[in-house]
Amino acid sequence: MSKFTKEYIITMEDIVREGDPILREKTKEVSIPPTEEDKEELQCMLQYLKNSQDPILSKKYQLRAGVGLSANQIGLNKRMFASYMRQENGEALEYMLINPKIISHSTAMTYIPESEGCLSIDRSIVGYVPRYRRITVRAYNIHGEEVKIKLKDYEAIVFQHEIDHLNGILFYDHINSKNPFELPANVDITPLY
């Protein structure tokens, strides 16, 4: 049984850092229906994200705020991730997804003007990370049911970042190595805001 049970509190000590080979490996598909262990690991990952966004708990456990966490970021070679974001209206969007796959995307692209961040990367990295503005993702939820999710803008960026993790890709792999602030040519790309 994995240590990442519902009761376990993930801290920054559990987060795998840049340089660990697991972050560069393509993760293994999870059998459907998911096992109880898979479910508890996902719940534990989601709880980390909630705790990291809570001012009191994040200070108590010294957590870096995150909106997404993939299984390989806590050392698990499993194709699953959790995400927890708040919309402008304050409504929470929470996901625990297994074997996610982008099945369609817009031609239009976007990027976060101040670059992206990652719990597994401790250094500051600057540069534009081009992402699709809209995506459709097919995955399985924690109950083993197939789901199809349409996302745009920030939520789409977060999902692309997490799915990249599951494919052994880090966000800075998308940054232009010659000029980090150069955008791809002949592409409809505008800043997120």
N, C-alpha and C. Protein backbone atom coordinates (compact mmCIF):
# COMPACT_ATOMS: atom_id res chain seq x y z
N MET A 1 0.85 -1.20 0.00
CA MET A 1 0.00 0.00 0.00
C MET A 1 0.89 1.25 0.00
N SER A 2 0.52 2.19 -0.81
CA SER A 2 1.24 3.46 -0.91
C SER A 2 1.07 4.26 0.38
N LYS A 3 2.04 5.11 0.69
CA LYS A 3 1.91 5.96 1.88
C LYS A 3 0.90 7.09 1.65
N PHE A 4 0.55 7.35 0.38
CA PHE A 4 -0.34 8.47 0.06
C PHE A 4 -1.80 8.08 0.23
N THR A 5 -2.20 7.88 1.48
CA THR A 5 -3.59 7.54 1.80
C THR A 5 -4.38 8.83 2.00
N LYS A 6 -5.69 8.68 2.21
CA LYS A 6 -6.54 9.86 2.43
C LYS A 6 -6.08 10.68 3.63
N GLU A 7 -5.51 10.00 4.63
CA GLU A 7 -5.12 10.68 5.87
C GLU A 7 -3.74 11.34 5.76
N TYR A 8 -2.94 10.91 4.80
CA TYR A 8 -1.56 11.42 4.68
C TYR A 8 -1.56 12.86 4.18
N ILE A 9 -0.70 13.68 4.74
CA ILE A 9 -0.59 15.08 4.29
C ILE A 9 0.70 15.23 3.49
N ILE A 10 0.54 15.46 2.19
CA ILE A 10 1.70 15.68 1.33
C ILE A 10 2.33 17.02 1.69
N THR A 11 3.66 17.03 1.83
CA THR A 11 4.39 18.29 2.05
C THR A 11 5.40 18.44 0.91
N MET A 12 6.13 19.55 0.91
CA MET A 12 7.12 19.79 -0.13
C MET A 12 8.22 18.72 -0.13
N GLU A 13 8.41 18.04 1.01
CA GLU A 13 9.42 16.97 1.07
C GLU A 13 9.03 15.79 0.17
N ASP A 14 7.73 15.65 -0.10
CA ASP A 14 7.25 14.55 -0.95
C ASP A 14 7.34 14.88 -2.44
N ILE A 15 7.48 16.16 -2.76
CA ILE A 15 7.47 16.58 -4.16
C ILE A 15 8.82 16.28 -4.81
N VAL A 16 8.77 15.52 -5.90
CA VAL A 16 9.97 15.16 -6.66
C VAL A 16 10.46 16.41 -7.39
N ARG A 17 11.77 16.66 -7.31
CA ARG A 17 12.34 17.88 -7.90
C ARG A 17 13.03 17.61 -9.23
N GLU A 18 13.17 18.68 -9.97
CA GLU A 18 13.87 18.69 -11.25
C GLU A 18 15.19 17.93 -11.11
N GLY A 19 15.48 17.09 -12.10
CA GLY A 19 16.70 16.27 -12.05
C GLY A 19 16.39 14.81 -11.76
N ASP A 20 15.25 14.55 -11.10
CA ASP A 20 14.85 13.16 -10.84
C ASP A 20 14.36 12.55 -12.17
N PRO A 21 14.90 11.38 -12.56
CA PRO A 21 14.52 10.80 -13.86
C PRO A 21 13.03 10.52 -14.03
N ILE A 22 12.28 10.31 -12.95
CA ILE A 22 10.84 10.00 -13.10
C ILE A 22 10.09 11.14 -13.78
N LEU A 23 10.59 12.37 -13.64
CA LEU A 23 9.93 13.52 -14.27
C LEU A 23 10.13 13.53 -15.78
N ARG A 24 11.05 12.71 -16.28
CA ARG A 24 11.33 12.66 -17.72
C ARG A 24 10.83 11.37 -18.36
N GLU A 25 10.12 10.55 -17.59
CA GLU A 25 9.58 9.29 -18.13
C GLU A 25 8.10 9.46 -18.45
N LYS A 26 7.67 8.75 -19.49
CA LYS A 26 6.24 8.70 -19.79
C LYS A 26 5.60 7.76 -18.77
N THR A 27 4.56 8.23 -18.10
CA THR A 27 3.94 7.42 -17.04
C THR A 27 3.11 6.27 -17.61
N LYS A 28 2.89 5.27 -16.76
CA LYS A 28 2.14 4.08 -17.16
C LYS A 28 0.64 4.30 -17.00
N GLU A 29 -0.12 3.77 -17.96
CA GLU A 29 -1.58 3.84 -17.89
C GLU A 29 -2.05 3.11 -16.63
N VAL A 30 -3.13 3.62 -16.07
CA VAL A 30 -3.73 3.04 -14.86
C VAL A 30 -4.87 2.12 -15.30
N SER A 31 -4.95 0.94 -14.70
CA SER A 31 -6.04 0.01 -15.03
C SER A 31 -7.37 0.59 -14.58
N ILE A 32 -8.39 0.36 -15.41
CA ILE A 32 -9.74 0.82 -15.10
C ILE A 32 -10.57 -0.42 -14.82
N PRO A 33 -11.38 -0.49 -13.77
CA PRO A 33 -11.57 0.57 -12.76
C PRO A 33 -10.32 0.75 -11.88
N PRO A 34 -10.13 1.97 -11.36
CA PRO A 34 -8.97 2.22 -10.50
C PRO A 34 -9.08 1.45 -9.19
N THR A 35 -7.93 1.10 -8.63
CA THR A 35 -7.91 0.41 -7.34
C THR A 35 -8.19 1.41 -6.22
N GLU A 36 -8.45 0.90 -5.04
CA GLU A 36 -8.62 1.79 -3.87
C GLU A 36 -7.36 2.60 -3.64
N GLU A 37 -6.21 1.98 -3.87
CA GLU A 37 -4.93 2.69 -3.71
C GLU A 37 -4.84 3.88 -4.67
N ASP A 38 -5.21 3.65 -5.95
CA ASP A 38 -5.20 4.74 -6.94
C ASP A 38 -6.10 5.89 -6.47
N LYS A 39 -7.29 5.53 -6.01
CA LYS A 39 -8.26 6.55 -5.57
C LYS A 39 -7.73 7.35 -4.40
N GLU A 40 -7.15 6.66 -3.42
CA GLU A 40 -6.62 7.36 -2.24
C GLU A 40 -5.46 8.27 -2.61
N GLU A 41 -4.62 7.81 -3.53
CA GLU A 41 -3.50 8.65 -3.97
C GLU A 41 -4.01 9.92 -4.63
N LEU A 42 -5.03 9.79 -5.47
CA LEU A 42 -5.61 10.97 -6.12
C LEU A 42 -6.24 11.92 -5.10
N GLN A 43 -6.95 11.36 -4.13
CA GLN A 43 -7.57 12.20 -3.09
C GLN A 43 -6.50 12.93 -2.28
N CYS A 44 -5.41 12.24 -2.01
CA CYS A 44 -4.29 12.82 -1.26
C CYS A 44 -3.66 13.96 -2.07
N MET A 45 -3.51 13.77 -3.39
CA MET A 45 -2.95 14.80 -4.27
C MET A 45 -3.86 16.02 -4.32
N LEU A 46 -5.16 15.78 -4.44
CA LEU A 46 -6.11 16.90 -4.46
C LEU A 46 -6.06 17.66 -3.14
N GLN A 47 -5.95 16.94 -2.03
CA GLN A 47 -5.90 17.59 -0.72
C GLN A 47 -4.66 18.47 -0.60
N TYR A 48 -3.54 18.02 -1.18
CA TYR A 48 -2.34 18.87 -1.16
C TYR A 48 -2.66 20.22 -1.81
N LEU A 49 -3.32 20.19 -2.98
CA LEU A 49 -3.61 21.43 -3.70
C LEU A 49 -4.52 22.34 -2.88
N LYS A 50 -5.52 21.75 -2.24
CA LYS A 50 -6.42 22.54 -1.38
C LYS A 50 -5.64 23.14 -0.21
N ASN A 51 -4.82 22.31 0.44
CA ASN A 51 -4.01 22.79 1.58
C ASN A 51 -3.06 23.90 1.14
N SER A 52 -2.49 23.75 -0.05
CA SER A 52 -1.48 24.71 -0.53
C SER A 52 -2.09 26.08 -0.81
N GLN A 53 -3.41 26.10 -1.04
CA GLN A 53 -4.10 27.36 -1.32
C GLN A 53 -4.77 27.93 -0.07
N ASP A 54 -4.67 27.22 1.04
CA ASP A 54 -5.24 27.68 2.31
C ASP A 54 -4.15 28.46 3.06
N PRO A 55 -4.40 29.75 3.38
CA PRO A 55 -3.35 30.57 4.01
C PRO A 55 -2.81 29.98 5.31
N ILE A 56 -3.67 29.37 6.12
CA ILE A 56 -3.23 28.84 7.42
C ILE A 56 -2.46 27.53 7.24
N LEU A 57 -3.04 26.59 6.48
CA LEU A 57 -2.38 25.28 6.30
C LEU A 57 -1.09 25.40 5.49
N SER A 58 -1.08 26.27 4.49
CA SER A 58 0.13 26.40 3.67
C SER A 58 1.28 26.94 4.50
N LYS A 59 0.96 27.82 5.46
CA LYS A 59 2.01 28.36 6.33
C LYS A 59 2.45 27.29 7.34
N LYS A 60 1.47 26.59 7.91
CA LYS A 60 1.77 25.56 8.92
C LYS A 60 2.69 24.47 8.35
N TYR A 61 2.40 24.01 7.13
CA TYR A 61 3.17 22.92 6.52
C TYR A 61 4.22 23.42 5.52
N GLN A 62 4.34 24.73 5.39
CA GLN A 62 5.29 25.36 4.45
C GLN A 62 5.12 24.81 3.04
N LEU A 63 3.90 24.95 2.52
CA LEU A 63 3.57 24.43 1.20
C LEU A 63 3.64 25.53 0.15
N ARG A 64 4.14 25.18 -1.02
CA ARG A 64 4.07 26.10 -2.16
C ARG A 64 2.72 25.91 -2.82
N ALA A 65 2.06 27.01 -3.15
CA ALA A 65 0.74 26.93 -3.76
C ALA A 65 0.82 26.28 -5.13
N GLY A 66 -0.15 25.41 -5.38
CA GLY A 66 -0.23 24.74 -6.68
C GLY A 66 -1.66 24.59 -7.12
N VAL A 67 -1.87 24.49 -8.44
CA VAL A 67 -3.21 24.28 -8.99
C VAL A 67 -3.31 22.91 -9.66
N GLY A 68 -2.17 22.24 -9.82
CA GLY A 68 -2.16 20.92 -10.43
C GLY A 68 -1.02 20.09 -9.87
N LEU A 69 -1.23 18.79 -9.78
CA LEU A 69 -0.19 17.88 -9.29
C LEU A 69 -0.35 16.54 -10.01
N SER A 70 0.71 16.13 -10.69
CA SER A 70 0.67 14.84 -11.39
C SER A 70 1.31 13.77 -10.50
N ALA A 71 0.92 12.52 -10.73
CA ALA A 71 1.37 11.42 -9.87
C ALA A 71 2.90 11.29 -9.86
N ASN A 72 3.55 11.52 -11.00
CA ASN A 72 5.02 11.36 -11.00
C ASN A 72 5.71 12.46 -10.20
N GLN A 73 5.00 13.55 -9.90
CA GLN A 73 5.59 14.60 -9.06
C GLN A 73 5.68 14.17 -7.59
N ILE A 74 5.01 13.07 -7.25
CA ILE A 74 5.19 12.51 -5.90
C ILE A 74 5.80 11.10 -6.00
N GLY A 75 6.45 10.86 -7.14
CA GLY A 75 7.21 9.62 -7.31
C GLY A 75 6.42 8.41 -7.76
N LEU A 76 5.17 8.60 -8.19
CA LEU A 76 4.34 7.48 -8.63
C LEU A 76 4.31 7.41 -10.15
N ASN A 77 4.67 6.27 -10.71
CA ASN A 77 4.64 6.11 -12.16
C ASN A 77 3.23 5.70 -12.58
N LYS A 78 2.32 6.65 -12.51
CA LYS A 78 0.91 6.40 -12.84
C LYS A 78 0.39 7.59 -13.64
N ARG A 79 -0.42 7.27 -14.65
CA ARG A 79 -0.93 8.30 -15.54
C ARG A 79 -2.20 8.92 -14.93
N MET A 80 -2.00 9.81 -13.96
CA MET A 80 -3.14 10.47 -13.32
C MET A 80 -2.67 11.78 -12.68
N PHE A 81 -3.62 12.72 -12.58
CA PHE A 81 -3.30 13.99 -11.93
C PHE A 81 -4.53 14.56 -11.25
N ALA A 82 -4.26 15.48 -10.33
CA ALA A 82 -5.32 16.22 -9.64
C ALA A 82 -5.15 17.69 -9.96
N SER A 83 -6.28 18.41 -9.98
CA SER A 83 -6.23 19.85 -10.22
C SER A 83 -7.29 20.53 -9.36
N TYR A 84 -6.92 21.69 -8.83
CA TYR A 84 -7.85 22.46 -7.99
C TYR A 84 -7.62 23.94 -8.28
N MET A 85 -8.64 24.57 -8.87
CA MET A 85 -8.56 25.99 -9.24
C MET A 85 -9.82 26.70 -8.81
N ARG A 86 -9.68 27.99 -8.56
CA ARG A 86 -10.85 28.82 -8.27
C ARG A 86 -11.11 29.72 -9.46
N GLN A 87 -12.38 29.76 -9.88
CA GLN A 87 -12.76 30.65 -10.97
C GLN A 87 -12.93 32.07 -10.42
N GLU A 88 -13.08 33.02 -11.34
CA GLU A 88 -13.24 34.43 -10.92
C GLU A 88 -14.44 34.62 -10.01
N ASN A 89 -15.48 33.81 -10.21
CA ASN A 89 -16.68 33.93 -9.36
C ASN A 89 -16.51 33.22 -8.01
N GLY A 90 -15.30 32.68 -7.77
CA GLY A 90 -15.02 32.03 -6.49
C GLY A 90 -15.34 30.54 -6.47
N GLU A 91 -16.02 30.07 -7.51
CA GLU A 91 -16.40 28.65 -7.57
C GLU A 91 -15.15 27.79 -7.79
N ALA A 92 -15.07 26.69 -7.06
CA ALA A 92 -13.91 25.80 -7.17
C ALA A 92 -14.11 24.79 -8.29
N LEU A 93 -13.06 24.56 -9.04
CA LEU A 93 -13.04 23.50 -10.05
C LEU A 93 -12.06 22.46 -9.56
N GLU A 94 -12.54 21.26 -9.28
CA GLU A 94 -11.61 20.22 -8.83
C GLU A 94 -11.75 18.98 -9.70
N TYR A 95 -10.60 18.41 -10.01
CA TYR A 95 -10.56 17.24 -10.87
C TYR A 95 -9.57 16.23 -10.31
N MET A 96 -9.92 14.95 -10.44
CA MET A 96 -9.01 13.84 -10.18
C MET A 96 -9.15 12.94 -11.40
N LEU A 97 -8.16 12.98 -12.29
CA LEU A 97 -8.31 12.33 -13.59
C LEU A 97 -7.27 11.24 -13.82
N ILE A 98 -7.73 10.19 -14.48
CA ILE A 98 -6.91 9.02 -14.78
C ILE A 98 -6.81 8.85 -16.29
N ASN A 99 -5.61 8.55 -16.77
CA ASN A 99 -5.34 8.34 -18.20
C ASN A 99 -5.88 9.47 -19.08
N PRO A 100 -5.60 10.73 -18.72
CA PRO A 100 -6.13 11.84 -19.52
C PRO A 100 -5.45 11.94 -20.88
N LYS A 101 -6.23 12.35 -21.87
CA LYS A 101 -5.69 12.51 -23.22
C LYS A 101 -6.38 13.69 -23.87
N ILE A 102 -5.58 14.56 -24.51
CA ILE A 102 -6.16 15.67 -25.27
C ILE A 102 -6.63 15.09 -26.59
N ILE A 103 -7.95 15.19 -26.85
CA ILE A 103 -8.49 14.59 -28.08
C ILE A 103 -8.75 15.63 -29.16
N SER A 104 -8.82 16.91 -28.78
CA SER A 104 -8.91 17.97 -29.78
C SER A 104 -8.45 19.27 -29.15
N HIS A 105 -8.04 20.19 -30.02
CA HIS A 105 -7.59 21.50 -29.53
C HIS A 105 -7.81 22.56 -30.60
N SER A 106 -7.84 23.80 -30.16
CA SER A 106 -7.99 24.93 -31.08
C SER A 106 -6.68 25.15 -31.82
N THR A 107 -6.77 25.88 -32.94
CA THR A 107 -5.53 26.32 -33.59
C THR A 107 -5.00 27.54 -32.86
N ALA A 108 -5.91 28.32 -32.26
CA ALA A 108 -5.50 29.50 -31.50
C ALA A 108 -4.71 29.08 -30.27
N MET A 109 -3.68 29.87 -29.97
CA MET A 109 -2.83 29.57 -28.83
C MET A 109 -2.77 30.76 -27.88
N THR A 110 -2.25 30.52 -26.70
CA THR A 110 -2.12 31.56 -25.69
C THR A 110 -0.89 31.27 -24.83
N TYR A 111 -0.60 32.18 -23.92
CA TYR A 111 0.52 31.98 -22.99
C TYR A 111 0.31 32.89 -21.79
N ILE A 112 0.89 32.51 -20.66
CA ILE A 112 0.85 33.34 -19.46
C ILE A 112 2.02 34.32 -19.56
N PRO A 113 1.74 35.64 -19.54
CA PRO A 113 2.81 36.62 -19.74
C PRO A 113 4.01 36.47 -18.81
N GLU A 114 3.79 36.06 -17.54
CA GLU A 114 4.95 35.92 -16.65
C GLU A 114 5.48 34.49 -16.59
N SER A 115 5.22 33.70 -17.59
CA SER A 115 5.68 32.32 -17.70
C SER A 115 4.87 31.42 -16.76
N GLU A 116 5.24 30.15 -16.70
CA GLU A 116 4.56 29.18 -15.84
C GLU A 116 5.49 28.82 -14.69
N GLY A 117 4.92 28.22 -13.66
CA GLY A 117 5.71 27.74 -12.54
C GLY A 117 5.41 26.27 -12.33
N CYS A 118 6.18 25.64 -11.47
CA CYS A 118 6.02 24.20 -11.25
C CYS A 118 6.52 23.85 -9.87
N LEU A 119 5.76 23.03 -9.16
CA LEU A 119 6.15 22.60 -7.81
C LEU A 119 7.46 21.81 -7.82
N SER A 120 7.77 21.18 -8.94
CA SER A 120 8.99 20.37 -9.04
C SER A 120 10.23 21.18 -9.42
N ILE A 121 10.04 22.45 -9.72
CA ILE A 121 11.16 23.29 -10.16
C ILE A 121 11.33 24.44 -9.18
N ASP A 122 12.49 24.47 -8.54
CA ASP A 122 12.75 25.48 -7.51
C ASP A 122 13.33 26.77 -8.06
N ARG A 123 13.87 26.73 -9.27
CA ARG A 123 14.48 27.95 -9.82
C ARG A 123 13.46 28.76 -10.61
N SER A 124 13.76 30.03 -10.79
CA SER A 124 12.89 30.91 -11.55
C SER A 124 13.24 30.78 -13.03
N ILE A 125 12.24 30.53 -13.85
CA ILE A 125 12.45 30.38 -15.29
C ILE A 125 11.56 31.38 -16.00
N VAL A 126 12.14 32.17 -16.90
CA VAL A 126 11.36 33.16 -17.64
C VAL A 126 11.22 32.71 -19.09
N GLY A 127 10.14 33.16 -19.71
CA GLY A 127 9.90 32.85 -21.11
C GLY A 127 8.46 32.47 -21.35
N TYR A 128 8.04 32.63 -22.60
CA TYR A 128 6.67 32.32 -22.97
C TYR A 128 6.52 30.82 -23.27
N VAL A 129 5.45 30.25 -22.74
CA VAL A 129 5.14 28.82 -22.94
C VAL A 129 3.88 28.75 -23.79
N PRO A 130 4.01 28.55 -25.11
CA PRO A 130 2.81 28.51 -25.96
C PRO A 130 1.93 27.31 -25.63
N ARG A 131 0.64 27.58 -25.47
CA ARG A 131 -0.34 26.52 -25.17
C ARG A 131 -1.58 26.72 -26.04
N TYR A 132 -2.31 25.64 -26.29
CA TYR A 132 -3.58 25.78 -27.01
C TYR A 132 -4.57 26.52 -26.13
N ARG A 133 -5.34 27.43 -26.76
CA ARG A 133 -6.30 28.23 -25.99
C ARG A 133 -7.48 27.38 -25.52
N ARG A 134 -7.89 26.41 -26.35
CA ARG A 134 -9.02 25.54 -25.99
C ARG A 134 -8.63 24.08 -26.25
N ILE A 135 -9.03 23.22 -25.33
CA ILE A 135 -8.76 21.79 -25.51
C ILE A 135 -9.97 20.98 -25.05
N THR A 136 -10.07 19.77 -25.56
CA THR A 136 -11.03 18.78 -25.06
C THR A 136 -10.22 17.59 -24.58
N VAL A 137 -10.48 17.18 -23.36
CA VAL A 137 -9.74 16.08 -22.73
C VAL A 137 -10.69 14.92 -22.45
N ARG A 138 -10.23 13.72 -22.80
CA ARG A 138 -10.98 12.51 -22.42
C ARG A 138 -10.16 11.81 -21.34
N ALA A 139 -10.83 11.38 -20.29
CA ALA A 139 -10.14 10.74 -19.16
C ALA A 139 -11.15 9.87 -18.42
N TYR A 140 -10.68 9.27 -17.33
CA TYR A 140 -11.56 8.54 -16.42
C TYR A 140 -11.55 9.25 -15.09
N ASN A 141 -12.72 9.31 -14.45
CA ASN A 141 -12.77 9.92 -13.12
C ASN A 141 -12.42 8.87 -12.07
N ILE A 142 -12.48 9.27 -10.82
CA ILE A 142 -12.07 8.41 -9.71
C ILE A 142 -12.97 7.17 -9.58
N HIS A 143 -14.16 7.22 -10.19
CA HIS A 143 -15.09 6.08 -10.14
C HIS A 143 -14.90 5.15 -11.35
N GLY A 144 -13.93 5.50 -12.22
CA GLY A 144 -13.68 4.68 -13.40
C GLY A 144 -14.61 4.98 -14.56
N GLU A 145 -15.35 6.08 -14.48
CA GLU A 145 -16.27 6.47 -15.55
C GLU A 145 -15.54 7.38 -16.54
N GLU A 146 -15.81 7.15 -17.83
CA GLU A 146 -15.18 8.01 -18.85
C GLU A 146 -15.82 9.40 -18.82
N VAL A 147 -14.99 10.42 -18.89
CA VAL A 147 -15.48 11.80 -18.90
C VAL A 147 -14.81 12.54 -20.05
N LYS A 148 -15.52 13.54 -20.56
CA LYS A 148 -14.99 14.41 -21.60
C LYS A 148 -15.12 15.83 -21.07
N ILE A 149 -14.01 16.56 -21.04
CA ILE A 149 -14.00 17.90 -20.43
C ILE A 149 -13.49 18.91 -21.45
N LYS A 150 -14.28 19.98 -21.64
CA LYS A 150 -13.85 21.08 -22.52
C LYS A 150 -13.31 22.19 -21.64
N LEU A 151 -12.13 22.68 -21.98
CA LEU A 151 -11.48 23.71 -21.18
C LEU A 151 -10.96 24.82 -22.08
N LYS A 152 -10.87 26.01 -21.50
CA LYS A 152 -10.28 27.12 -22.26
C LYS A 152 -9.45 27.99 -21.33
N ASP A 153 -8.60 28.78 -21.93
CA ASP A 153 -7.78 29.76 -21.23
C ASP A 153 -6.96 29.13 -20.09
N TYR A 154 -7.04 29.71 -18.89
CA TYR A 154 -6.17 29.27 -17.80
C TYR A 154 -6.34 27.78 -17.47
N GLU A 155 -7.60 27.32 -17.41
CA GLU A 155 -7.85 25.91 -17.10
C GLU A 155 -7.21 25.00 -18.15
N ALA A 156 -7.28 25.41 -19.42
CA ALA A 156 -6.67 24.63 -20.50
C ALA A 156 -5.15 24.59 -20.35
N ILE A 157 -4.56 25.71 -19.94
CA ILE A 157 -3.11 25.77 -19.73
C ILE A 157 -2.70 24.80 -18.62
N VAL A 158 -3.44 24.82 -17.50
CA VAL A 158 -3.12 23.95 -16.36
C VAL A 158 -3.18 22.48 -16.79
N PHE A 159 -4.22 22.10 -17.52
CA PHE A 159 -4.35 20.70 -17.95
C PHE A 159 -3.22 20.30 -18.89
N GLN A 160 -2.84 21.20 -19.81
CA GLN A 160 -1.74 20.89 -20.73
C GLN A 160 -0.43 20.71 -19.95
N HIS A 161 -0.22 21.55 -18.94
CA HIS A 161 0.98 21.46 -18.10
C HIS A 161 1.03 20.10 -17.40
N GLU A 162 -0.11 19.67 -16.84
CA GLU A 162 -0.15 18.39 -16.11
C GLU A 162 -0.03 17.19 -17.04
N ILE A 163 -0.69 17.24 -18.19
CA ILE A 163 -0.60 16.13 -19.15
C ILE A 163 0.83 16.04 -19.68
N ASP A 164 1.48 17.19 -19.87
CA ASP A 164 2.91 17.18 -20.23
C ASP A 164 3.72 16.40 -19.19
N HIS A 165 3.48 16.66 -17.91
CA HIS A 165 4.20 15.94 -16.85
C HIS A 165 4.07 14.43 -17.06
N LEU A 166 2.87 13.98 -17.37
CA LEU A 166 2.62 12.55 -17.53
C LEU A 166 3.35 11.97 -18.74
N ASN A 167 3.77 12.87 -19.65
CA ASN A 167 4.53 12.47 -20.83
C ASN A 167 6.03 12.76 -20.69
N GLY A 168 6.46 13.12 -19.48
CA GLY A 168 7.88 13.39 -19.25
C GLY A 168 8.36 14.73 -19.78
N ILE A 169 7.42 15.66 -19.97
CA ILE A 169 7.75 16.98 -20.52
C ILE A 169 7.60 18.03 -19.42
N LEU A 170 8.56 18.93 -19.31
CA LEU A 170 8.47 20.05 -18.36
C LEU A 170 8.16 21.33 -19.13
N PHE A 171 7.51 22.28 -18.46
CA PHE A 171 7.01 23.46 -19.16
C PHE A 171 8.08 24.21 -19.93
N TYR A 172 9.30 24.25 -19.41
CA TYR A 172 10.33 25.04 -20.09
C TYR A 172 10.83 24.39 -21.38
N ASP A 173 10.43 23.13 -21.63
CA ASP A 173 10.77 22.50 -22.91
C ASP A 173 10.09 23.23 -24.06
N HIS A 174 8.99 23.95 -23.79
CA HIS A 174 8.25 24.67 -24.82
C HIS A 174 8.79 26.08 -25.06
N ILE A 175 9.66 26.57 -24.19
CA ILE A 175 10.19 27.93 -24.32
C ILE A 175 11.26 27.95 -25.41
N ASN A 176 11.20 28.97 -26.27
CA ASN A 176 12.18 29.12 -27.35
C ASN A 176 13.58 29.23 -26.74
N SER A 177 14.48 28.32 -27.10
CA SER A 177 15.81 28.28 -26.46
C SER A 177 16.71 29.45 -26.89
N LYS A 178 16.48 29.99 -28.09
CA LYS A 178 17.31 31.12 -28.56
C LYS A 178 16.82 32.43 -27.97
N ASN A 179 15.50 32.62 -27.94
CA ASN A 179 14.92 33.84 -27.37
C ASN A 179 13.67 33.44 -26.58
N PRO A 180 13.76 33.42 -25.24
CA PRO A 180 12.63 32.93 -24.44
C PRO A 180 11.34 33.75 -24.59
N PHE A 181 11.45 34.96 -25.15
CA PHE A 181 10.24 35.78 -25.32
C PHE A 181 9.80 35.86 -26.78
N GLU A 182 10.28 34.93 -27.59
CA GLU A 182 9.86 34.87 -28.98
C GLU A 182 8.73 33.85 -29.09
N LEU A 183 7.67 34.26 -29.79
CA LEU A 183 6.51 33.38 -29.96
C LEU A 183 6.61 32.65 -31.29
N PRO A 184 5.91 31.52 -31.42
CA PRO A 184 5.96 30.80 -32.69
C PRO A 184 5.41 31.66 -33.83
N ALA A 185 6.02 31.54 -35.00
CA ALA A 185 5.60 32.33 -36.17
C ALA A 185 4.38 31.69 -36.83
N ASN A 186 3.63 32.51 -37.54
CA ASN A 186 2.46 32.07 -38.33
C ASN A 186 1.44 31.29 -37.50
N VAL A 187 1.27 31.72 -36.25
CA VAL A 187 0.31 31.08 -35.34
C VAL A 187 -0.56 32.17 -34.72
N ASP A 188 -1.84 31.88 -34.58
CA ASP A 188 -2.75 32.82 -33.90
C ASP A 188 -2.51 32.67 -32.39
N ILE A 189 -1.66 33.54 -31.85
CA ILE A 189 -1.31 33.44 -30.42
C ILE A 189 -1.40 34.80 -29.77
N THR A 190 -2.13 34.85 -28.65
CA THR A 190 -2.30 36.10 -27.90
C THR A 190 -2.11 35.79 -26.42
N PRO A 191 -1.66 36.81 -25.64
CA PRO A 191 -1.47 36.56 -24.20
C PRO A 191 -2.78 36.22 -23.52
N LEU A 192 -2.71 35.48 -22.43
CA LEU A 192 -3.90 35.09 -21.68
C LEU A 192 -4.63 36.31 -21.14
N TYR A 193 -3.89 37.34 -20.73
CA TYR A 193 -4.48 38.59 -20.24
C TYR A 193 -3.56 39.74 -20.53
